[in-house]
């Protein structure tokens, strides 16, 4: 649910930025700066999740699926359960969450449209045009005074009309209604976040500070203006989309700020504190979230690739937890068909294969990570890969990349998909335990090559892991020729340090004869 993580991260930023405003800026009198701070940070809250610091996760895109998990215990799955037609229930958690979110958002949108309708309905009254194309509408016996974009609504029977018009013209001139509409939409998107309501209320208060400040900057005395506000605030209507001069809920704060001592220029230096906050927030989110939705990587020398690229790039078959082979005619041995011509983001061709396991990556004798892709067997989707061990007697296995899988299977295909077909497929109830194997040693000073005993088969896939479970060497056609000096896997294409490594040798078409163990690298 990347959309949920994105929305969650954006709202965490929103809370963080509003907290900074409350602590450092709310009581300052540079109202215009505060206004732009709130607007800029509200927009930034939805942009910053698209960024991440690449140096904090340098190998995220290359070896993500090799991160070690807790040991996956042997799981027994009844064969007959696989024969049952698997149907995805529409009443799952994600669908209920989406439905609830959309229903509330639609209701709030309807409320917004109704408020707009009420304002447009008021335009039917007579009006006259003021300076800069502002239209003044007379609302007789309404006791209201407010503005909305270039529309000014006023009860002609109110006293001190000139003061009211000056106040409302400030709102119109500074385009405060754009801010109000922006935060109404923001509230519809983030209705579950109470801070979105607080920010919307704060921006409207700043609007009144700005209008009060300019109105009292000439001709109108602050004391008289405060009495005027108090006198007319009782009985004022609440119109959420408008800027209203008479608003009793914020009257006390407005009068207090009228008499507030002007903030010194040094107070603006508080904004410098905001710079490390942004950097720290991106750092935390880079490490705390999967960041699949991040599109810009900062401070990284790596070339950004799709996160599951190893499931689509043929030489790295171990990553895909899948071995594609073509059986030889009249022979028990098989030969790997290499797919070097496949381009990124293309669907692989359909190739014969006799088995498929959802878990076949081991490190130090422990199974790691269930295959995250959506597995489909003869048109039936596997809902939980952790309860699926594997199948035998398959005729073909087709790997489908993320973009195509999402189009075909929706959100289930977000990690890619594997389509398995066969007329006599049998369910594997127990994943075979890798046989124990002695620790091997490789002395590079003596020009030794890695030869794994009892692996004399025609085609072998060899993968070497370091102590972090990262792949440092991989080949789909091993010829007993690895000298331990050079890797051929991404950033590891250099001399490898001495120490302990793990190996996994996959024997084509013979999963029970696969070899796993440790290598002690010397010199």
Foldseek 3Di string as FASTA:
>chain_A
DVVVLLVVQLVVQLVVQVVLCVVAPLLAQPLVVSLVSLVVSNVVSNVLLLEAACVLPVCQQPCVQLFFDPFQDKFFFDQVVVVDFDDDDCPDPVNVVVVVLVVQLVVLVVVVVVLVVVVVVQVVADWDADPPRQIEGADAPPLFWWDAQSYTYDHPPDPPVVLSVQLRVLCNVVVLLVVLVVLSNVCSNPVVRPVSVVSSVSSLLSSNLRSLCVSCPPDDPLVVVLVSLVVSQPPYDDRSSIRGSRHVVCSVVSNVSSPDDHDDPVSVCSCVVVVVVSVVSSHVCNVPDSSQSHDYHPNHPDDDDRRLQLCVAFQNVVSVQDAFWAQDPPDLATDGDGDRVDDPQDWDDKGFDFKGFQWDDDDPQGIGDGRLAFEAEPNGTDPDSSNAGIKGRWGTKIWHQQVVQCVVPNPNGNHTYIYIYHDDITGDRTHDRADDDDEAEAELVVVAFDDDPPQPGQWKWKWKADPSSGTFAIGRGDDSGHRQQAHDRPPNGGGDDFAKMKMWMDGGNCRNPIHIDMYGYHD
